[in-house]
Amino acid sequence: MASQKSSSAATSQATPAPTAKEPKRKRGIARVAKLLDAGAAVFAEQGYRAATMTEIAARAAAPIGSLYQFFPNKDVLADALVARYAEHVEAALDRIRAQLADLDGSQLADRLLDVLVAHAAERSLALSLLDARWEQPGVRPGVLRESLRKRIAEILTLWRPQLPEDQAEAMSVVLFQAMKSLVQLHEEKRYPGKTEAIAHWRGWVQRYLADV
């Protein structure tokens, strides 16, 4: 009996977790994008736990089988949305990286600060999906944070080659926190001096990089 249980456990551990299916053709890519958009809308409205695959398929005007073909379950769809957000932010950072030769400290500060603000709604959804599933194995919100910090540190060392690696890493933590805080300042609906507060925050980050 013990050997049967052991064999069953080993089989269970060996079973790979479901993953999203990568579309190969242009039509499939467009279909997946539509399914992801529908998933994002339903998750944002209903929350991760309340949302259903049936609702998502209906929102996309797609057969439920088509949704399951690309995303075997709700977790896989949520992971794909988090990954899409990460890709968009990473692409924005890569564009900054390509422009570094033409940027002074003030301009670099503005470019970095604009990244998360431009993707604020997508960021909010991604964080809510991670928070809703934080207790599940393999769901690690810190992985995305560390990846983005690393990209910012790389931008800094390319921008200022004389900058020591440990200093660039420390500065990437400060800058990423500043980027997140600016999103929060924007997202608050009303508070006294909102416009001035945002301008002061940008000015502080501009001065921070001007001294490098």
Protein backbone atom coordinates (compact mmCIF):
# COMPACT_ATOMS: atom_id res chain seq x y z
CA MET A 1 0.00 0.00 0.00
CA ALA A 2 2.83 2.36 0.94
CA SER A 3 4.58 1.70 -2.37
CA GLN A 4 1.36 2.43 -4.26
CA LYS A 5 0.98 5.76 -2.46
CA SER A 6 4.60 6.58 -3.13
CA SER A 7 4.19 5.74 -6.81
CA SER A 8 1.02 7.84 -7.00
CA ALA A 9 2.76 10.79 -5.36
CA ALA A 10 5.69 10.51 -7.73
CA THR A 11 3.34 10.46 -10.73
CA SER A 12 1.53 13.51 -9.38
CA GLN A 13 4.78 15.40 -8.89
CA ALA A 14 5.95 14.49 -12.37
CA THR A 15 2.80 15.85 -14.02
CA PRO A 16 3.69 19.21 -15.58
CA ALA A 17 1.58 22.23 -14.68
CA PRO A 18 -0.77 23.47 -17.40
CA THR A 19 0.67 26.25 -19.54
CA ALA A 20 -0.69 28.67 -22.09
CA LYS A 21 -0.60 27.55 -25.70
CA GLU A 22 1.46 29.78 -27.97
CA PRO A 23 -0.41 30.69 -31.16
CA LYS A 24 1.56 30.14 -34.36
CA ARG A 25 -0.50 31.99 -36.95
CA LYS A 26 -1.55 35.61 -37.23
CA ARG A 27 -5.19 34.68 -36.73
CA GLY A 28 -4.36 32.75 -33.57
CA ILE A 29 -2.29 35.63 -32.20
CA ALA A 30 -5.21 38.00 -32.72
CA ARG A 31 -7.59 35.53 -31.05
CA VAL A 32 -5.32 35.19 -28.00
CA ALA A 33 -5.01 38.97 -27.72
CA LYS A 34 -8.80 39.24 -27.73
CA LEU A 35 -9.11 36.54 -25.06
CA LEU A 36 -6.52 38.28 -22.91
CA ASP A 37 -8.34 41.61 -23.27
CA ALA A 38 -11.59 39.91 -22.25
CA GLY A 39 -9.89 38.26 -19.30
CA ALA A 40 -8.41 41.57 -18.18
CA ALA A 41 -11.83 43.26 -18.34
CA VAL A 42 -13.66 40.52 -16.41
CA PHE A 43 -10.93 40.18 -13.77
CA ALA A 44 -10.93 43.97 -13.28
CA GLU A 45 -14.72 44.05 -12.88
CA GLN A 46 -15.35 40.83 -10.96
CA GLY A 47 -12.06 40.16 -9.19
CA TYR A 48 -9.99 37.04 -9.72
CA ARG A 49 -11.99 34.72 -7.47
CA ALA A 50 -15.43 35.69 -8.73
CA ALA A 51 -14.55 35.73 -12.43
CA THR A 52 -15.34 32.62 -14.44
CA MET A 53 -13.96 31.24 -17.68
CA THR A 54 -17.51 31.20 -19.04
CA GLU A 55 -17.85 34.96 -18.49
CA ILE A 56 -14.48 35.58 -20.09
CA ALA A 57 -15.32 33.55 -23.18
CA ALA A 58 -18.63 35.39 -23.49
CA ARG A 59 -16.89 38.76 -23.19
CA ALA A 60 -14.54 37.75 -25.99
CA ALA A 61 -17.47 36.44 -28.09
CA ALA A 62 -15.52 33.20 -28.36
CA PRO A 63 -16.49 29.55 -27.82
CA ILE A 64 -15.52 28.32 -24.36
CA GLY A 65 -13.50 25.58 -26.05
CA SER A 66 -11.38 28.20 -27.80
CA LEU A 67 -10.56 29.83 -24.46
CA TYR A 68 -9.58 26.50 -22.90
CA GLN A 69 -7.54 25.63 -25.98
CA PHE A 70 -5.14 28.48 -25.24
CA PHE A 71 -5.61 28.80 -21.47
CA PRO A 72 -6.36 25.48 -19.72
CA ASN A 73 -7.56 27.18 -16.54
CA LYS A 74 -8.06 30.54 -14.85
CA ASP A 75 -4.60 30.48 -13.25
CA VAL A 76 -2.89 30.11 -16.61
CA LEU A 77 -4.89 33.04 -17.99
CA ALA A 78 -3.98 35.18 -14.98
CA ASP A 79 -0.32 34.27 -15.39
CA ALA A 80 -0.48 35.27 -19.05
CA LEU A 81 -1.90 38.68 -18.14
CA VAL A 82 0.85 39.27 -15.58
CA ALA A 83 3.43 38.20 -18.18
CA ARG A 84 1.91 40.56 -20.76
CA TYR A 85 2.17 43.46 -18.32
CA ALA A 86 5.82 42.57 -17.64
CA GLU A 87 6.54 42.45 -21.38
CA HIS A 88 5.01 45.88 -21.91
CA VAL A 89 7.01 47.47 -19.08
CA GLU A 90 10.22 45.73 -20.15
CA ALA A 91 9.69 46.94 -23.72
CA ALA A 92 9.27 50.52 -22.44
CA LEU A 93 12.51 50.21 -20.45
CA ASP A 94 14.27 48.80 -23.51
CA ARG A 95 13.20 51.85 -25.51
CA ILE A 96 14.72 54.10 -22.85
CA ARG A 97 17.88 52.01 -22.99
CA ALA A 98 18.11 52.60 -26.73
CA GLN A 99 17.87 56.39 -26.24
CA LEU A 100 20.40 56.76 -23.41
CA ALA A 101 23.04 58.57 -25.48
CA ASP A 102 20.66 61.51 -25.93
CA LEU A 103 19.36 61.76 -22.34
CA ASP A 104 20.55 63.92 -19.48
CA GLY A 105 19.60 63.20 -15.87
CA SER A 106 16.36 65.18 -15.96
CA GLN A 107 15.21 63.51 -19.18
CA LEU A 108 16.10 60.03 -17.96
CA ALA A 109 14.16 60.67 -14.75
CA ASP A 110 11.08 61.69 -16.71
CA ARG A 111 11.31 58.69 -19.03
CA LEU A 112 11.57 56.27 -16.12
CA LEU A 113 8.78 57.92 -14.15
CA ASP A 114 6.47 57.78 -17.17
CA VAL A 115 6.81 53.99 -17.60
CA LEU A 116 4.56 52.78 -14.79
CA VAL A 117 2.18 55.74 -15.11
CA ALA A 118 1.60 54.80 -18.76
CA HIS A 119 0.76 51.23 -17.72
CA ALA A 120 -1.09 52.09 -14.50
CA ALA A 121 -4.31 50.19 -15.23
CA GLU A 122 -2.44 47.11 -16.42
CA ARG A 123 -0.17 47.30 -13.37
CA SER A 124 -3.12 47.50 -11.00
CA LEU A 125 -4.67 44.38 -12.56
CA ALA A 126 -1.39 42.45 -12.51
CA LEU A 127 -0.84 43.25 -8.83
CA SER A 128 -4.39 42.23 -7.94
CA LEU A 129 -3.95 38.91 -9.75
CA LEU A 130 -0.69 38.25 -7.91
CA ASP A 131 -2.19 39.25 -4.55
CA ALA A 132 -5.22 37.01 -5.05
CA ARG A 133 -3.00 33.98 -5.63
CA TRP A 134 0.04 34.72 -3.47
CA GLU A 135 -0.37 31.50 -1.47
CA GLN A 136 -0.19 29.26 -4.54
CA PRO A 137 3.10 27.51 -5.40
CA GLY A 138 4.98 29.27 -8.16
CA VAL A 139 3.22 32.62 -7.74
CA ARG A 140 6.01 34.99 -6.70
CA PRO A 141 5.25 38.73 -6.90
CA GLY A 142 8.89 39.48 -6.05
CA VAL A 143 10.13 37.93 -9.30
CA LEU A 144 8.63 40.71 -11.43
CA ARG A 145 9.91 43.41 -9.07
CA GLU A 146 13.45 42.06 -9.13
CA SER A 147 13.41 41.71 -12.91
CA LEU A 148 12.43 45.36 -13.39
CA ARG A 149 14.97 46.58 -10.84
CA LYS A 150 17.67 44.67 -12.69
CA ARG A 151 16.71 46.34 -15.98
CA ILE A 152 16.83 49.77 -14.36
CA ALA A 153 20.28 49.02 -12.90
CA GLU A 154 21.47 47.99 -16.37
CA ILE A 155 20.14 51.27 -17.80
CA LEU A 156 22.05 53.22 -15.15
CA THR A 157 25.37 51.44 -15.77
CA LEU A 158 25.04 51.97 -19.52
CA TRP A 159 24.14 55.62 -19.00
CA ARG A 160 27.00 56.19 -16.57
CA PRO A 161 29.66 53.48 -17.16
CA GLN A 162 31.75 54.76 -14.25
CA LEU A 163 28.93 53.95 -11.79
CA PRO A 164 29.87 51.04 -9.48
CA GLU A 165 27.60 48.03 -9.80
CA ASP A 166 26.51 48.06 -6.16
CA GLN A 167 25.60 51.76 -6.42
CA ALA A 168 23.58 51.14 -9.58
CA GLU A 169 21.70 48.34 -7.82
CA ALA A 170 20.93 50.56 -4.83
CA MET A 171 19.79 53.38 -7.10
CA SER A 172 17.54 51.00 -9.06
CA VAL A 173 15.69 50.21 -5.82
CA VAL A 174 15.20 53.92 -5.10
CA LEU A 175 14.12 54.72 -8.65
CA PHE A 176 11.68 51.82 -8.89
CA GLN A 177 10.12 52.89 -5.60
CA ALA A 178 9.85 56.44 -6.95
CA MET A 179 8.18 55.10 -10.10
CA LYS A 180 5.62 53.16 -8.04
CA SER A 181 4.95 56.10 -5.73
CA LEU A 182 4.27 58.40 -8.67
CA VAL A 183 1.60 55.98 -9.90
CA GLN A 184 -0.03 56.16 -6.47
CA LEU A 185 0.06 59.96 -6.51
CA HIS A 186 -1.68 59.92 -9.90
CA GLU A 187 -4.25 57.32 -8.87
CA GLU A 188 -5.50 59.21 -5.84
CA LYS A 189 -8.60 60.97 -7.12
CA ARG A 190 -8.51 64.15 -5.09
CA TYR A 191 -6.19 65.71 -2.57
CA PRO A 192 -4.98 69.28 -1.96
CA GLY A 193 -2.08 70.30 -4.18
CA LYS A 194 -2.14 67.17 -6.36
CA THR A 195 -0.59 68.88 -9.38
CA GLU A 196 2.10 70.52 -7.25
CA ALA A 197 2.85 67.29 -5.39
CA ILE A 198 3.40 65.40 -8.65
CA ALA A 199 5.64 68.19 -9.96
CA HIS A 200 7.66 68.15 -6.72
CA TRP A 201 8.06 64.37 -6.93
CA ARG A 202 9.29 64.58 -10.51
CA GLY A 203 11.64 67.40 -9.56
CA TRP A 204 13.14 65.36 -6.74
CA VAL A 205 13.86 62.40 -9.05
CA GLN A 206 15.30 64.71 -11.71
CA ARG A 207 17.70 66.19 -9.15
CA TYR A 208 18.57 62.72 -7.87
CA LEU A 209 19.79 61.67 -11.32
CA ALA A 210 21.33 65.05 -12.14
CA ASP A 211 23.87 64.44 -9.38
CA VAL A 212 25.10 61.14 -10.87
